[in-house]
Amino acid sequence: MRELNGIQVGRAVIAGIIGTAVMTVVGLWVAPLMGLPAMNPAQMLAGAMGGNLALGWTAHFMIGTILAVGYGAAGPFLPGAPALRGALYGTAPFLMAQIIVMPMMGMPLFSGSAAMAFGSLVGHLVYGAVVGSVYGPVEARASTPVAAAAV
């Protein structure tokens, strides 16, 4: 598979598609079984893009895939086994979604509800754990200050 700056791009794309699919299943069908509201990210995105559900699904999977490539870059700097690294990484898109994306779509911070925010957190943790597991082991790297790396 192709490697770009240490990122296994092919593995990341596959991990992103699978992680997004699992996160979607959790949001649509598992969350209600846990007493949480059903969450359909594609429908929310479609609402922000003129109501076209096909665009919402496309955007949802594109975002999940791009974020998985980001995991390929960040994963080596996170502690633990692949699933734990991924779950830790999943907190970043959760925070971005709740603090930046939701308000951009006209929704309140943290979805305006503790239950919705908790459901989103669970979904993003699951997404990250799946991405980490599918992407697989990465060689741990210590963070290096930019100035020291240039010397």
Protein backbone atom coordinates (compact mmCIF):
# COMPACT_ATOMS: atom_id res chain seq x y z
CA MET A 1 0.00 0.00 0.00
CA ARG A 2 1.08 3.54 -0.62
CA GLU A 3 2.92 5.42 2.11
CA LEU A 4 2.99 9.21 2.30
CA ASN A 5 5.15 10.86 4.98
CA GLY A 6 4.95 7.72 7.10
CA ILE A 7 1.16 7.40 6.72
CA GLN A 8 -0.16 4.15 5.23
CA VAL A 9 -2.76 5.91 3.07
CA GLY A 10 -4.49 2.76 1.82
CA ARG A 11 -4.85 1.38 5.34
CA ALA A 12 -6.13 4.76 6.52
CA VAL A 13 -8.79 4.92 3.78
CA ILE A 14 -10.03 1.41 4.58
CA ALA A 15 -9.97 2.17 8.32
CA GLY A 16 -11.88 5.41 7.75
CA ILE A 17 -14.62 3.75 5.72
CA ILE A 18 -15.05 0.92 8.22
CA GLY A 19 -14.82 3.24 11.24
CA THR A 20 -17.41 5.59 9.74
CA ALA A 21 -19.75 2.70 8.95
CA VAL A 22 -19.48 1.32 12.51
CA MET A 23 -19.97 4.80 14.01
CA THR A 24 -23.08 5.21 11.88
CA VAL A 25 -24.52 1.90 13.07
CA VAL A 26 -23.86 2.94 16.67
CA GLY A 27 -25.55 6.31 16.14
CA LEU A 28 -28.58 5.02 14.30
CA TRP A 29 -29.32 1.72 16.03
CA VAL A 30 -27.17 1.12 19.13
CA ALA A 31 -27.58 4.54 20.79
CA PRO A 32 -31.39 4.15 21.06
CA LEU A 33 -30.88 0.75 22.73
CA MET A 34 -28.74 2.55 25.34
CA GLY A 35 -31.47 5.11 26.00
CA LEU A 36 -29.75 7.79 23.88
CA PRO A 37 -31.33 9.60 20.96
CA ALA A 38 -30.67 8.19 17.49
CA MET A 39 -28.04 10.23 15.66
CA ASN A 40 -27.74 10.43 11.89
CA PRO A 41 -24.68 12.54 11.00
CA ALA A 42 -25.40 12.23 7.27
CA GLN A 43 -28.87 13.71 7.77
CA MET A 44 -27.44 16.57 9.84
CA LEU A 45 -24.85 17.29 7.15
CA ALA A 46 -27.49 17.07 4.44
CA GLY A 47 -29.55 19.68 6.29
CA ALA A 48 -26.58 22.02 6.14
CA MET A 49 -26.12 21.32 2.41
CA GLY A 50 -29.59 22.04 1.11
CA GLY A 51 -31.28 18.84 2.22
CA ASN A 52 -29.66 16.45 -0.28
CA LEU A 53 -29.25 13.20 1.67
CA ALA A 54 -26.85 11.72 -0.90
CA LEU A 55 -24.53 14.69 -0.35
CA GLY A 56 -24.85 14.20 3.42
CA TRP A 57 -23.80 10.53 3.18
CA THR A 58 -20.95 11.38 0.82
CA ALA A 59 -19.70 14.13 3.11
CA HIS A 60 -20.01 11.88 6.18
CA PHE A 61 -17.84 9.16 4.66
CA MET A 62 -15.38 11.65 3.15
CA ILE A 63 -14.90 13.30 6.55
CA GLY A 64 -14.45 9.91 8.23
CA THR A 65 -11.86 8.90 5.65
CA ILE A 66 -9.92 12.16 5.86
CA LEU A 67 -9.91 11.96 9.66
CA ALA A 68 -8.52 8.42 9.43
CA VAL A 69 -5.61 9.73 7.36
CA GLY A 70 -5.11 12.23 10.20
CA TYR A 71 -4.99 9.28 12.58
CA GLY A 72 -2.20 7.83 10.45
CA ALA A 73 -0.19 10.96 11.22
CA ALA A 74 -1.17 11.32 14.90
CA GLY A 75 -1.35 7.64 15.93
CA PRO A 76 2.39 7.14 16.42
CA PHE A 77 2.41 9.91 19.02
CA LEU A 78 -0.43 8.42 21.10
CA PRO A 79 0.06 5.84 23.85
CA GLY A 80 -1.30 2.32 24.00
CA ALA A 81 -2.50 -0.44 21.72
CA PRO A 82 -4.12 0.44 18.36
CA ALA A 83 -7.72 0.51 19.66
CA LEU A 84 -6.76 2.75 22.60
CA ARG A 85 -4.74 5.08 20.37
CA GLY A 86 -7.71 5.32 18.05
CA ALA A 87 -10.18 6.01 20.85
CA LEU A 88 -7.90 8.75 22.19
CA TYR A 89 -7.69 10.19 18.67
CA GLY A 90 -11.51 10.01 18.44
CA THR A 91 -11.80 12.69 21.12
CA ALA A 92 -10.30 15.27 18.71
CA PRO A 93 -13.00 14.96 16.01
CA PHE A 94 -15.62 14.83 18.78
CA LEU A 95 -14.43 18.17 20.14
CA MET A 96 -14.13 19.68 16.65
CA ALA A 97 -17.67 18.56 15.82
CA GLN A 98 -19.17 19.87 19.03
CA ILE A 99 -17.29 23.17 19.32
CA ILE A 100 -16.84 24.15 15.66
CA VAL A 101 -19.06 22.16 13.29
CA MET A 102 -22.32 22.17 15.26
CA PRO A 103 -22.37 25.97 15.65
CA MET A 104 -21.49 26.32 11.94
CA MET A 105 -24.62 24.26 11.17
CA GLY A 106 -26.74 26.50 13.43
CA MET A 107 -26.82 24.10 16.37
CA PRO A 108 -25.73 24.89 19.93
CA LEU A 109 -22.39 23.89 21.43
CA PHE A 110 -22.26 20.25 22.45
CA SER A 111 -25.46 19.59 20.50
CA GLY A 112 -27.48 21.56 23.07
CA SER A 113 -28.05 18.46 25.16
CA ALA A 114 -25.96 16.30 27.47
CA ALA A 115 -27.55 13.14 26.03
CA MET A 116 -26.75 14.13 22.42
CA ALA A 117 -23.21 15.19 23.36
CA PHE A 118 -22.63 11.93 25.26
CA GLY A 119 -23.97 9.93 22.32
CA SER A 120 -21.66 11.81 19.99
CA LEU A 121 -18.71 11.14 22.30
CA VAL A 122 -19.52 7.41 22.36
CA GLY A 123 -19.79 7.38 18.56
CA HIS A 124 -16.46 9.15 18.11
CA LEU A 125 -14.70 6.89 20.63
CA VAL A 126 -16.04 3.85 18.76
CA TYR A 127 -15.02 5.40 15.42
CA GLY A 128 -11.50 6.01 16.73
CA ALA A 129 -11.14 2.56 18.26
CA VAL A 130 -12.22 0.92 15.00
CA VAL A 131 -9.93 3.16 12.94
CA GLY A 132 -7.00 2.35 15.23
CA SER A 133 -7.74 -1.37 15.14
CA VAL A 134 -8.16 -1.54 11.37
CA TYR A 135 -5.18 0.74 10.66
CA GLY A 136 -3.16 -1.54 12.90
CA PRO A 137 0.04 -1.15 14.87
CA VAL A 138 2.18 1.90 14.30
CA GLU A 139 5.72 2.52 15.41
CA ALA A 140 5.65 4.87 18.39
CA ARG A 141 7.39 8.17 17.84
CA ALA A 142 8.44 10.66 20.47
CA SER A 143 7.34 14.19 19.77
CA THR A 144 10.24 16.30 18.61
CA PRO A 145 10.33 20.07 18.93
CA VAL A 146 10.46 21.65 15.49
CA ALA A 147 13.56 23.73 16.28
CA ALA A 148 15.48 20.66 17.47
CA ALA A 149 14.42 18.67 14.41
CA ALA A 150 15.82 21.34 12.09
CA VAL A 151 19.29 21.14 13.66
